[in-house]
N, C-alpha and C. Protein backbone atom coordinates (compact mmCIF):
# COMPACT_ATOMS: atom_id res chain seq x y z
N UNK A 1 17.62 -22.13 -26.18
CA UNK A 1 18.47 -21.39 -25.27
C UNK A 1 18.05 -19.92 -25.29
N UNK A 2 18.03 -19.31 -24.11
CA UNK A 2 17.62 -17.92 -23.98
C UNK A 2 18.83 -17.02 -23.97
N UNK A 3 18.81 -16.01 -24.81
CA UNK A 3 19.85 -14.98 -24.82
C UNK A 3 19.22 -13.70 -24.32
N UNK A 4 19.84 -13.13 -23.32
CA UNK A 4 19.32 -11.91 -22.73
C UNK A 4 19.57 -10.73 -23.66
N UNK A 5 18.53 -9.98 -23.94
CA UNK A 5 18.67 -8.79 -24.77
C UNK A 5 18.12 -7.59 -24.02
N UNK A 6 18.52 -6.43 -24.44
CA UNK A 6 18.07 -5.20 -23.78
C UNK A 6 16.59 -4.98 -24.07
N UNK A 7 15.85 -4.70 -23.02
CA UNK A 7 14.42 -4.44 -23.15
C UNK A 7 14.13 -2.99 -22.79
N UNK A 8 13.13 -2.42 -23.42
CA UNK A 8 12.72 -1.07 -23.10
C UNK A 8 11.63 -1.07 -22.03
N UNK A 9 11.28 0.11 -21.51
CA UNK A 9 10.24 0.20 -20.49
C UNK A 9 8.93 -0.43 -20.95
N UNK A 10 8.38 -1.31 -20.11
CA UNK A 10 7.11 -1.97 -20.41
C UNK A 10 7.24 -3.21 -21.27
N UNK A 11 8.44 -3.50 -21.76
CA UNK A 11 8.62 -4.69 -22.60
C UNK A 11 8.93 -5.91 -21.73
N UNK A 12 8.64 -7.07 -22.28
CA UNK A 12 8.93 -8.30 -21.55
C UNK A 12 9.52 -9.33 -22.51
N UNK A 13 10.31 -10.25 -21.95
CA UNK A 13 10.88 -11.36 -22.72
C UNK A 13 10.13 -12.62 -22.32
N UNK A 14 9.72 -13.40 -23.31
CA UNK A 14 8.96 -14.63 -23.06
C UNK A 14 9.71 -15.83 -23.59
N UNK A 15 9.45 -16.97 -22.98
CA UNK A 15 10.02 -18.23 -23.42
C UNK A 15 9.39 -18.60 -24.76
N UNK A 16 10.22 -18.98 -25.73
CA UNK A 16 9.69 -19.32 -27.05
C UNK A 16 8.93 -20.66 -27.04
N UNK A 17 9.19 -21.49 -26.02
CA UNK A 17 8.50 -22.80 -25.95
C UNK A 17 7.14 -22.72 -25.25
N UNK A 18 7.13 -22.13 -24.04
CA UNK A 18 5.90 -22.15 -23.24
C UNK A 18 5.22 -20.80 -23.12
N UNK A 19 5.91 -19.72 -23.50
CA UNK A 19 5.31 -18.40 -23.42
C UNK A 19 5.40 -17.74 -22.06
N UNK A 20 6.08 -18.37 -21.09
CA UNK A 20 6.21 -17.80 -19.74
C UNK A 20 7.05 -16.52 -19.79
N UNK A 21 6.71 -15.57 -18.93
CA UNK A 21 7.47 -14.32 -18.86
C UNK A 21 8.78 -14.60 -18.15
N UNK A 22 9.89 -14.33 -18.84
CA UNK A 22 11.21 -14.54 -18.27
C UNK A 22 11.74 -13.28 -17.61
N UNK A 23 11.42 -12.16 -18.19
CA UNK A 23 11.89 -10.88 -17.66
C UNK A 23 10.93 -9.80 -18.11
N UNK A 24 10.72 -8.82 -17.25
CA UNK A 24 9.83 -7.72 -17.58
C UNK A 24 10.44 -6.43 -17.06
N UNK A 25 10.48 -5.42 -17.90
CA UNK A 25 11.00 -4.12 -17.50
C UNK A 25 9.80 -3.25 -17.11
N UNK A 26 9.82 -2.68 -15.91
CA UNK A 26 8.68 -1.87 -15.49
C UNK A 26 8.52 -0.59 -16.31
N UNK A 27 7.31 -0.13 -16.39
CA UNK A 27 7.03 1.13 -17.09
C UNK A 27 7.51 2.32 -16.26
N UNK A 28 7.53 2.16 -14.96
CA UNK A 28 7.92 3.23 -14.05
C UNK A 28 9.35 2.97 -13.59
N UNK A 29 10.17 4.01 -13.58
CA UNK A 29 11.55 3.87 -13.15
C UNK A 29 11.61 3.70 -11.63
N UNK A 30 12.79 3.36 -11.12
CA UNK A 30 12.96 3.21 -9.67
C UNK A 30 12.68 4.55 -8.99
N UNK A 31 13.13 5.64 -9.59
CA UNK A 31 12.85 6.98 -9.02
C UNK A 31 11.34 7.26 -9.01
N UNK A 32 10.66 6.88 -10.08
CA UNK A 32 9.21 7.05 -10.14
C UNK A 32 8.50 6.23 -9.08
N UNK A 33 8.99 4.99 -8.89
CA UNK A 33 8.41 4.13 -7.84
C UNK A 33 8.60 4.78 -6.47
N UNK A 34 9.80 5.29 -6.22
CA UNK A 34 10.07 5.94 -4.93
C UNK A 34 9.15 7.14 -4.73
N UNK A 35 8.95 7.93 -5.78
CA UNK A 35 8.05 9.08 -5.67
C UNK A 35 6.63 8.65 -5.34
N UNK A 36 6.15 7.57 -5.97
CA UNK A 36 4.80 7.08 -5.68
C UNK A 36 4.69 6.54 -4.25
N UNK A 37 5.75 5.87 -3.79
CA UNK A 37 5.73 5.33 -2.42
C UNK A 37 5.76 6.47 -1.40
N UNK A 38 6.54 7.51 -1.65
CA UNK A 38 6.56 8.67 -0.74
C UNK A 38 5.21 9.39 -0.74
N UNK A 39 4.56 9.43 -1.89
CA UNK A 39 3.20 9.99 -1.96
C UNK A 39 2.25 9.14 -1.11
N UNK A 40 2.40 7.82 -1.21
CA UNK A 40 1.58 6.93 -0.38
C UNK A 40 1.81 7.15 1.10
N UNK A 41 3.06 7.40 1.49
CA UNK A 41 3.36 7.67 2.90
C UNK A 41 2.68 8.95 3.37
N UNK A 42 2.72 10.00 2.55
CA UNK A 42 2.04 11.26 2.90
C UNK A 42 0.53 11.04 3.03
N UNK A 43 -0.05 10.31 2.08
CA UNK A 43 -1.49 10.03 2.16
C UNK A 43 -1.83 9.17 3.37
N UNK A 44 -0.94 8.23 3.71
CA UNK A 44 -1.16 7.37 4.87
C UNK A 44 -1.22 8.22 6.15
N UNK A 45 -0.32 9.19 6.26
CA UNK A 45 -0.32 10.07 7.44
C UNK A 45 -1.59 10.91 7.50
N UNK A 46 -2.03 11.43 6.36
CA UNK A 46 -3.27 12.21 6.31
C UNK A 46 -4.46 11.33 6.67
N UNK A 47 -4.51 10.13 6.09
CA UNK A 47 -5.64 9.22 6.31
C UNK A 47 -5.79 8.84 7.77
N UNK A 48 -4.67 8.67 8.47
CA UNK A 48 -4.74 8.20 9.85
C UNK A 48 -4.78 9.31 10.89
N UNK A 49 -4.68 10.56 10.45
CA UNK A 49 -4.74 11.66 11.42
C UNK A 49 -5.95 12.57 11.23
N UNK A 50 -6.67 12.38 10.14
CA UNK A 50 -7.86 13.20 9.91
C UNK A 50 -9.11 12.32 9.94
N UNK A 51 -10.25 12.98 10.10
CA UNK A 51 -11.52 12.25 10.17
C UNK A 51 -11.84 11.57 8.84
N UNK A 52 -12.52 10.44 8.94
CA UNK A 52 -12.92 9.68 7.75
C UNK A 52 -14.27 10.20 7.25
N UNK A 53 -15.18 10.40 8.18
CA UNK A 53 -16.50 10.92 7.85
C UNK A 53 -17.07 11.57 9.10
N UNK A 54 -18.16 12.31 8.94
CA UNK A 54 -18.84 12.89 10.09
C UNK A 54 -20.34 12.65 9.94
N UNK A 55 -20.97 12.45 11.08
CA UNK A 55 -22.41 12.21 11.14
C UNK A 55 -23.06 13.40 11.82
N UNK A 56 -24.21 13.80 11.31
CA UNK A 56 -24.94 14.90 11.93
C UNK A 56 -26.39 14.49 12.09
N UNK A 57 -26.90 14.70 13.31
CA UNK A 57 -28.31 14.39 13.59
C UNK A 57 -28.79 15.34 14.67
N UNK A 58 -29.84 16.05 14.38
CA UNK A 58 -30.43 16.95 15.35
C UNK A 58 -29.46 18.01 15.85
N UNK A 59 -28.62 18.54 15.02
CA UNK A 59 -27.70 19.60 15.42
C UNK A 59 -26.39 19.09 16.01
N UNK A 60 -26.35 17.84 16.44
CA UNK A 60 -25.11 17.28 16.98
C UNK A 60 -24.29 16.69 15.83
N UNK A 61 -23.01 16.97 15.86
CA UNK A 61 -22.12 16.49 14.79
C UNK A 61 -20.98 15.70 15.42
N UNK A 62 -20.69 14.53 14.86
CA UNK A 62 -19.60 13.70 15.37
C UNK A 62 -18.77 13.19 14.20
N UNK A 63 -17.46 13.35 14.31
CA UNK A 63 -16.56 12.81 13.29
C UNK A 63 -15.58 11.85 13.97
N UNK A 64 -15.01 10.97 13.16
CA UNK A 64 -14.12 9.95 13.73
C UNK A 64 -12.95 9.67 12.81
N UNK A 65 -11.78 9.49 13.43
CA UNK A 65 -10.60 9.04 12.69
C UNK A 65 -10.58 7.51 12.75
N UNK A 66 -9.71 6.91 11.98
CA UNK A 66 -9.60 5.44 11.98
C UNK A 66 -9.23 4.94 13.38
N UNK A 67 -8.33 5.64 14.06
CA UNK A 67 -7.92 5.20 15.39
C UNK A 67 -9.06 5.32 16.41
N UNK A 68 -9.91 6.32 16.25
CA UNK A 68 -11.07 6.44 17.14
C UNK A 68 -12.05 5.29 16.91
N UNK A 69 -12.22 4.90 15.65
CA UNK A 69 -13.10 3.77 15.34
C UNK A 69 -12.52 2.48 15.94
N UNK A 70 -11.22 2.27 15.78
CA UNK A 70 -10.57 1.08 16.33
C UNK A 70 -10.66 1.09 17.86
N UNK A 71 -10.44 2.24 18.45
CA UNK A 71 -10.53 2.36 19.91
C UNK A 71 -11.94 2.05 20.41
N UNK A 72 -12.95 2.49 19.68
CA UNK A 72 -14.34 2.20 20.05
C UNK A 72 -14.61 0.70 19.96
N UNK A 73 -14.12 0.06 18.90
CA UNK A 73 -14.29 -1.39 18.77
C UNK A 73 -13.64 -2.11 19.95
N UNK A 74 -12.44 -1.67 20.32
CA UNK A 74 -11.72 -2.31 21.43
C UNK A 74 -12.49 -2.12 22.74
N UNK A 75 -12.95 -0.90 22.99
CA UNK A 75 -13.66 -0.63 24.25
C UNK A 75 -15.02 -1.33 24.30
N UNK A 76 -15.59 -1.65 23.13
CA UNK A 76 -16.85 -2.40 23.07
C UNK A 76 -16.61 -3.91 23.04
N UNK A 77 -15.38 -4.33 23.34
CA UNK A 77 -15.00 -5.74 23.47
C UNK A 77 -15.03 -6.51 22.15
N UNK A 78 -14.84 -5.82 21.04
CA UNK A 78 -14.68 -6.47 19.74
C UNK A 78 -13.19 -6.58 19.45
N UNK A 79 -12.49 -7.32 20.31
CA UNK A 79 -11.03 -7.37 20.26
C UNK A 79 -10.50 -7.95 18.95
N UNK A 80 -11.07 -9.04 18.51
CA UNK A 80 -10.58 -9.69 17.29
C UNK A 80 -10.77 -8.77 16.09
N UNK A 81 -11.94 -8.15 15.99
CA UNK A 81 -12.21 -7.25 14.87
C UNK A 81 -11.26 -6.06 14.92
N UNK A 82 -11.05 -5.49 16.11
CA UNK A 82 -10.14 -4.36 16.25
C UNK A 82 -8.72 -4.75 15.84
N UNK A 83 -8.27 -5.93 16.23
CA UNK A 83 -6.92 -6.38 15.87
C UNK A 83 -6.78 -6.60 14.37
N UNK A 84 -7.81 -7.19 13.75
CA UNK A 84 -7.77 -7.41 12.30
C UNK A 84 -7.74 -6.06 11.57
N UNK A 85 -8.53 -5.11 12.04
CA UNK A 85 -8.56 -3.79 11.42
C UNK A 85 -7.20 -3.11 11.57
N UNK A 86 -6.60 -3.19 12.75
CA UNK A 86 -5.27 -2.59 12.96
C UNK A 86 -4.25 -3.25 12.03
N UNK A 87 -4.30 -4.56 11.91
CA UNK A 87 -3.35 -5.28 11.06
C UNK A 87 -3.51 -4.90 9.60
N UNK A 88 -4.75 -4.95 9.09
CA UNK A 88 -4.97 -4.75 7.65
C UNK A 88 -5.07 -3.30 7.22
N UNK A 89 -5.42 -2.40 8.14
CA UNK A 89 -5.62 -1.00 7.79
C UNK A 89 -4.43 -0.13 8.16
N UNK A 90 -3.69 -0.53 9.21
CA UNK A 90 -2.60 0.31 9.69
C UNK A 90 -1.24 -0.38 9.54
N UNK A 91 -1.07 -1.50 10.21
CA UNK A 91 0.26 -2.11 10.27
C UNK A 91 0.78 -2.63 8.93
N UNK A 92 -0.01 -3.44 8.23
CA UNK A 92 0.46 -4.01 6.96
C UNK A 92 0.72 -2.94 5.91
N UNK A 93 -0.22 -1.99 5.70
CA UNK A 93 0.09 -0.95 4.70
C UNK A 93 1.29 -0.09 5.09
N UNK A 94 1.40 0.26 6.37
CA UNK A 94 2.54 1.07 6.81
C UNK A 94 3.84 0.30 6.62
N UNK A 95 3.84 -0.98 6.97
CA UNK A 95 5.04 -1.79 6.79
C UNK A 95 5.41 -1.89 5.31
N UNK A 96 4.42 -2.10 4.47
CA UNK A 96 4.68 -2.20 3.03
C UNK A 96 5.27 -0.89 2.50
N UNK A 97 4.68 0.23 2.89
CA UNK A 97 5.15 1.53 2.42
C UNK A 97 6.56 1.80 2.92
N UNK A 98 6.82 1.55 4.21
CA UNK A 98 8.15 1.82 4.76
C UNK A 98 9.21 0.90 4.16
N UNK A 99 8.87 -0.38 3.98
CA UNK A 99 9.83 -1.30 3.36
C UNK A 99 10.16 -0.88 1.93
N UNK A 100 9.14 -0.52 1.17
CA UNK A 100 9.37 -0.07 -0.20
C UNK A 100 10.21 1.21 -0.21
N UNK A 101 9.91 2.14 0.71
CA UNK A 101 10.71 3.38 0.80
C UNK A 101 12.18 3.05 1.05
N UNK A 102 12.43 2.19 2.02
CA UNK A 102 13.80 1.82 2.39
C UNK A 102 14.53 1.17 1.21
N UNK A 103 13.90 0.17 0.60
CA UNK A 103 14.53 -0.55 -0.51
C UNK A 103 14.76 0.35 -1.72
N UNK A 104 13.76 1.17 -2.06
CA UNK A 104 13.87 2.02 -3.24
C UNK A 104 14.82 3.20 -3.01
N UNK A 105 14.88 3.70 -1.79
CA UNK A 105 15.81 4.80 -1.47
C UNK A 105 17.24 4.38 -1.80
N UNK A 106 17.61 3.18 -1.42
CA UNK A 106 18.95 2.69 -1.72
C UNK A 106 19.10 2.32 -3.19
N UNK A 107 18.04 1.78 -3.79
CA UNK A 107 18.10 1.39 -5.20
C UNK A 107 18.32 2.60 -6.10
N UNK A 108 17.73 3.74 -5.74
CA UNK A 108 17.93 4.97 -6.51
C UNK A 108 19.41 5.35 -6.51
N UNK A 109 20.09 5.04 -5.42
CA UNK A 109 21.53 5.33 -5.31
C UNK A 109 22.39 4.22 -5.90
N UNK A 110 21.76 3.20 -6.48
CA UNK A 110 22.50 2.12 -7.11
C UNK A 110 23.08 1.11 -6.14
N UNK A 111 22.48 1.02 -4.95
CA UNK A 111 22.97 0.09 -3.93
C UNK A 111 21.82 -0.75 -3.42
N UNK A 112 22.18 -1.76 -2.69
CA UNK A 112 21.19 -2.58 -1.98
C UNK A 112 21.06 -2.05 -0.56
N UNK A 113 19.85 -2.06 -0.08
CA UNK A 113 19.59 -1.60 1.29
C UNK A 113 20.17 -2.59 2.30
N UNK A 114 20.61 -2.11 3.47
CA UNK A 114 21.01 -3.04 4.53
C UNK A 114 19.84 -3.97 4.86
N UNK A 115 20.13 -5.25 4.99
CA UNK A 115 19.10 -6.24 5.28
C UNK A 115 18.25 -6.58 4.06
N UNK A 116 18.76 -6.35 2.87
CA UNK A 116 18.01 -6.49 1.63
C UNK A 116 17.27 -7.82 1.51
N UNK A 117 18.00 -8.93 1.67
CA UNK A 117 17.38 -10.25 1.47
C UNK A 117 16.22 -10.47 2.43
N UNK A 118 16.45 -10.19 3.70
CA UNK A 118 15.42 -10.40 4.72
C UNK A 118 14.22 -9.48 4.46
N UNK A 119 14.48 -8.23 4.08
CA UNK A 119 13.40 -7.28 3.83
C UNK A 119 12.57 -7.66 2.61
N UNK A 120 13.22 -8.21 1.60
CA UNK A 120 12.47 -8.67 0.42
C UNK A 120 11.53 -9.81 0.79
N UNK A 121 11.97 -10.70 1.66
CA UNK A 121 11.13 -11.81 2.12
C UNK A 121 9.95 -11.27 2.93
N UNK A 122 10.23 -10.34 3.85
CA UNK A 122 9.16 -9.74 4.66
C UNK A 122 8.15 -9.04 3.76
N UNK A 123 8.64 -8.27 2.79
CA UNK A 123 7.74 -7.57 1.87
C UNK A 123 6.85 -8.55 1.11
N UNK A 124 7.42 -9.66 0.71
CA UNK A 124 6.64 -10.69 0.01
C UNK A 124 5.49 -11.20 0.90
N UNK A 125 5.74 -11.37 2.19
CA UNK A 125 4.72 -11.90 3.09
C UNK A 125 3.72 -10.83 3.55
N UNK A 126 4.10 -9.57 3.51
CA UNK A 126 3.20 -8.48 3.93
C UNK A 126 2.20 -8.14 2.83
N UNK A 127 2.59 -8.31 1.59
CA UNK A 127 1.76 -7.88 0.45
C UNK A 127 0.30 -8.31 0.54
N UNK A 128 -0.03 -9.57 0.85
CA UNK A 128 -1.45 -9.95 0.86
C UNK A 128 -2.26 -9.34 2.00
N UNK A 129 -1.62 -8.79 3.02
CA UNK A 129 -2.33 -8.30 4.19
C UNK A 129 -2.76 -6.84 4.08
N UNK A 130 -2.41 -6.17 3.01
CA UNK A 130 -2.84 -4.78 2.85
C UNK A 130 -4.23 -4.79 2.22
N UNK A 131 -5.23 -4.51 3.03
CA UNK A 131 -6.62 -4.62 2.57
C UNK A 131 -7.37 -3.30 2.70
N UNK A 132 -6.72 -2.22 2.34
CA UNK A 132 -7.36 -0.91 2.43
C UNK A 132 -8.57 -0.83 1.51
N UNK A 133 -8.51 -1.51 0.36
CA UNK A 133 -9.63 -1.45 -0.57
C UNK A 133 -10.91 -2.02 0.06
N UNK A 134 -10.77 -3.04 0.89
CA UNK A 134 -11.93 -3.61 1.58
C UNK A 134 -12.49 -2.59 2.56
N UNK A 135 -11.60 -1.88 3.26
CA UNK A 135 -12.02 -0.84 4.20
C UNK A 135 -12.76 0.28 3.48
N UNK A 136 -12.20 0.77 2.39
CA UNK A 136 -12.83 1.87 1.65
C UNK A 136 -14.21 1.46 1.15
N UNK A 137 -14.32 0.27 0.60
CA UNK A 137 -15.64 -0.21 0.15
C UNK A 137 -16.61 -0.34 1.31
N UNK A 138 -16.13 -0.85 2.45
CA UNK A 138 -16.98 -0.96 3.64
C UNK A 138 -17.47 0.39 4.12
N UNK A 139 -16.58 1.37 4.13
CA UNK A 139 -16.98 2.72 4.56
C UNK A 139 -18.01 3.30 3.60
N UNK A 140 -17.80 3.11 2.31
CA UNK A 140 -18.76 3.64 1.33
C UNK A 140 -20.14 3.01 1.50
N UNK A 141 -20.18 1.70 1.73
CA UNK A 141 -21.46 1.02 1.98
C UNK A 141 -22.09 1.55 3.26
N UNK A 142 -21.27 1.73 4.30
CA UNK A 142 -21.77 2.25 5.58
C UNK A 142 -22.33 3.66 5.43
N UNK A 143 -21.67 4.48 4.64
CA UNK A 143 -22.15 5.85 4.42
C UNK A 143 -23.52 5.82 3.74
N UNK A 144 -23.67 4.98 2.73
CA UNK A 144 -24.96 4.88 2.04
C UNK A 144 -26.05 4.42 3.01
N UNK A 145 -25.73 3.42 3.84
CA UNK A 145 -26.72 2.92 4.82
C UNK A 145 -27.03 3.98 5.89
N UNK A 146 -25.99 4.68 6.36
CA UNK A 146 -26.17 5.67 7.42
C UNK A 146 -26.96 6.88 6.94
N UNK A 147 -26.95 7.14 5.63
CA UNK A 147 -27.70 8.27 5.07
C UNK A 147 -29.19 8.15 5.38
N UNK A 148 -29.68 6.93 5.67
CA UNK A 148 -31.09 6.74 6.02
C UNK A 148 -31.42 7.38 7.36
N UNK A 149 -30.42 7.47 8.26
CA UNK A 149 -30.67 7.93 9.62
C UNK A 149 -29.97 9.24 9.97
N UNK A 150 -28.87 9.54 9.30
CA UNK A 150 -28.05 10.71 9.63
C UNK A 150 -27.73 11.49 8.37
N UNK A 151 -27.26 12.70 8.60
CA UNK A 151 -26.64 13.44 7.50
C UNK A 151 -25.16 13.09 7.57
N UNK A 152 -24.66 12.47 6.51
CA UNK A 152 -23.28 11.99 6.50
C UNK A 152 -22.49 12.83 5.50
N UNK A 153 -21.32 13.26 5.95
CA UNK A 153 -20.42 13.96 5.02
C UNK A 153 -19.04 13.33 5.11
N UNK A 154 -18.42 13.20 3.96
CA UNK A 154 -17.09 12.60 3.92
C UNK A 154 -16.06 13.64 4.34
N UNK A 155 -14.93 13.17 4.82
CA UNK A 155 -13.86 14.03 5.29
C UNK A 155 -12.57 13.67 4.55
N UNK A 156 -11.54 14.47 4.70
CA UNK A 156 -10.28 14.23 3.97
C UNK A 156 -9.68 12.84 4.19
N UNK A 157 -9.89 12.27 5.36
CA UNK A 157 -9.34 10.95 5.64
C UNK A 157 -9.83 9.89 4.68
N UNK A 158 -11.10 9.95 4.31
CA UNK A 158 -11.65 8.96 3.38
C UNK A 158 -11.02 9.10 1.99
N UNK A 159 -10.84 10.35 1.55
CA UNK A 159 -10.21 10.57 0.25
C UNK A 159 -8.74 10.14 0.27
N UNK A 160 -8.08 10.34 1.41
CA UNK A 160 -6.69 9.88 1.53
C UNK A 160 -6.63 8.36 1.47
N UNK A 161 -7.57 7.68 2.15
CA UNK A 161 -7.62 6.21 2.07
C UNK A 161 -7.89 5.75 0.64
N UNK A 162 -8.76 6.44 -0.07
CA UNK A 162 -9.02 6.08 -1.47
C UNK A 162 -7.76 6.25 -2.31
N UNK A 163 -7.00 7.31 -2.05
CA UNK A 163 -5.74 7.51 -2.75
C UNK A 163 -4.73 6.42 -2.44
N UNK A 164 -4.65 6.04 -1.17
CA UNK A 164 -3.75 4.95 -0.77
C UNK A 164 -4.17 3.65 -1.45
N UNK A 165 -5.48 3.43 -1.52
CA UNK A 165 -5.98 2.22 -2.17
C UNK A 165 -5.48 2.15 -3.62
N UNK A 166 -5.56 3.27 -4.32
CA UNK A 166 -5.09 3.30 -5.71
C UNK A 166 -3.58 3.09 -5.77
N UNK A 167 -2.84 3.75 -4.89
CA UNK A 167 -1.38 3.62 -4.91
C UNK A 167 -0.94 2.21 -4.54
N UNK A 168 -1.58 1.60 -3.55
CA UNK A 168 -1.18 0.24 -3.16
C UNK A 168 -1.49 -0.74 -4.28
N UNK A 169 -2.56 -0.49 -5.03
CA UNK A 169 -2.83 -1.31 -6.19
C UNK A 169 -1.72 -1.13 -7.23
N UNK A 170 -1.24 0.10 -7.37
CA UNK A 170 -0.12 0.36 -8.29
C UNK A 170 1.15 -0.33 -7.79
N UNK A 171 1.39 -0.30 -6.47
CA UNK A 171 2.58 -0.95 -5.90
C UNK A 171 2.58 -2.44 -6.22
N UNK A 172 1.40 -3.02 -6.23
CA UNK A 172 1.30 -4.45 -6.51
C UNK A 172 1.74 -4.78 -7.94
N UNK A 173 1.66 -3.79 -8.82
CA UNK A 173 2.09 -4.02 -10.19
C UNK A 173 3.60 -3.84 -10.35
N UNK A 174 4.26 -3.27 -9.34
CA UNK A 174 5.73 -3.13 -9.40
C UNK A 174 6.36 -4.51 -9.34
N UNK A 175 7.28 -4.77 -10.22
CA UNK A 175 8.04 -6.02 -10.16
C UNK A 175 9.33 -5.70 -9.42
N UNK A 176 9.27 -5.80 -8.09
CA UNK A 176 10.43 -5.42 -7.29
C UNK A 176 11.54 -6.45 -7.36
N UNK A 177 11.30 -7.56 -8.07
CA UNK A 177 12.37 -8.53 -8.27
C UNK A 177 13.53 -7.91 -9.04
N UNK A 178 13.26 -6.83 -9.74
CA UNK A 178 14.33 -6.17 -10.49
C UNK A 178 15.40 -5.62 -9.55
N UNK A 179 15.06 -5.42 -8.28
CA UNK A 179 16.06 -4.94 -7.32
C UNK A 179 17.17 -5.96 -7.10
N UNK A 180 16.91 -7.22 -7.44
CA UNK A 180 17.94 -8.25 -7.33
C UNK A 180 19.01 -8.09 -8.41
N UNK A 181 18.69 -7.37 -9.47
CA UNK A 181 19.60 -7.25 -10.61
C UNK A 181 20.56 -6.07 -10.50
N UNK A 182 20.97 -5.74 -9.29
CA UNK A 182 21.95 -4.68 -9.11
C UNK A 182 23.36 -5.20 -9.44
N UNK A 183 24.33 -4.33 -9.58
CA UNK A 183 25.69 -4.77 -9.94
C UNK A 183 26.23 -5.85 -8.99
N UNK A 184 27.14 -6.68 -9.52
CA UNK A 184 27.67 -7.82 -8.78
C UNK A 184 28.32 -7.44 -7.46
N UNK A 185 28.99 -6.30 -7.40
CA UNK A 185 29.68 -5.94 -6.15
C UNK A 185 28.70 -5.67 -5.02
N UNK A 186 27.42 -5.44 -5.34
CA UNK A 186 26.41 -5.18 -4.31
C UNK A 186 25.70 -6.45 -3.85
N UNK A 187 25.98 -7.59 -4.43
CA UNK A 187 25.24 -8.82 -4.13
C UNK A 187 25.61 -9.45 -2.79
N UNK A 188 26.57 -8.93 -2.08
CA UNK A 188 27.02 -9.55 -0.84
C UNK A 188 26.04 -9.36 0.32
N UNK A 189 25.16 -8.38 0.29
CA UNK A 189 24.26 -8.13 1.42
C UNK A 189 23.06 -9.03 1.43
């Protein structure tokens, strides 16, 4: 029989029979999680409004934001690729960040967010679609290849995407199931 005991930050309770994790207390507090998610939102805005890289050849210089790259793919009739890029680079990460902001904002106040159950389900399904790390690696490979033909310089947008990649990896380590453990009077939503 399992008896619940108080755990400290980073500690976990395991089943004495099979060793399965029964409960885990995060190392980062709910306020800390909210701060990291708000940082991710700021980086997301920077990443999507500033240039990712710029190419220079023969005195001509061209830089592009993520939306300009997606727009070029669409206008060149690469519709499926453009839609996948929009989904994995813009929509899924933005949805994940906004959902976490909403849920954690209320959790910091000791309450459940309106629509809590539905939003937790949506967040669970959005998690696998955030693929910024694939984008960042692709851009880095492209920069190395493009260096053969152009002078390539990175821009703030690429560094912002790299920061988001790190933060989204950190978000994945958050055990947001702890949000279910709010006081009983809040369980009605």
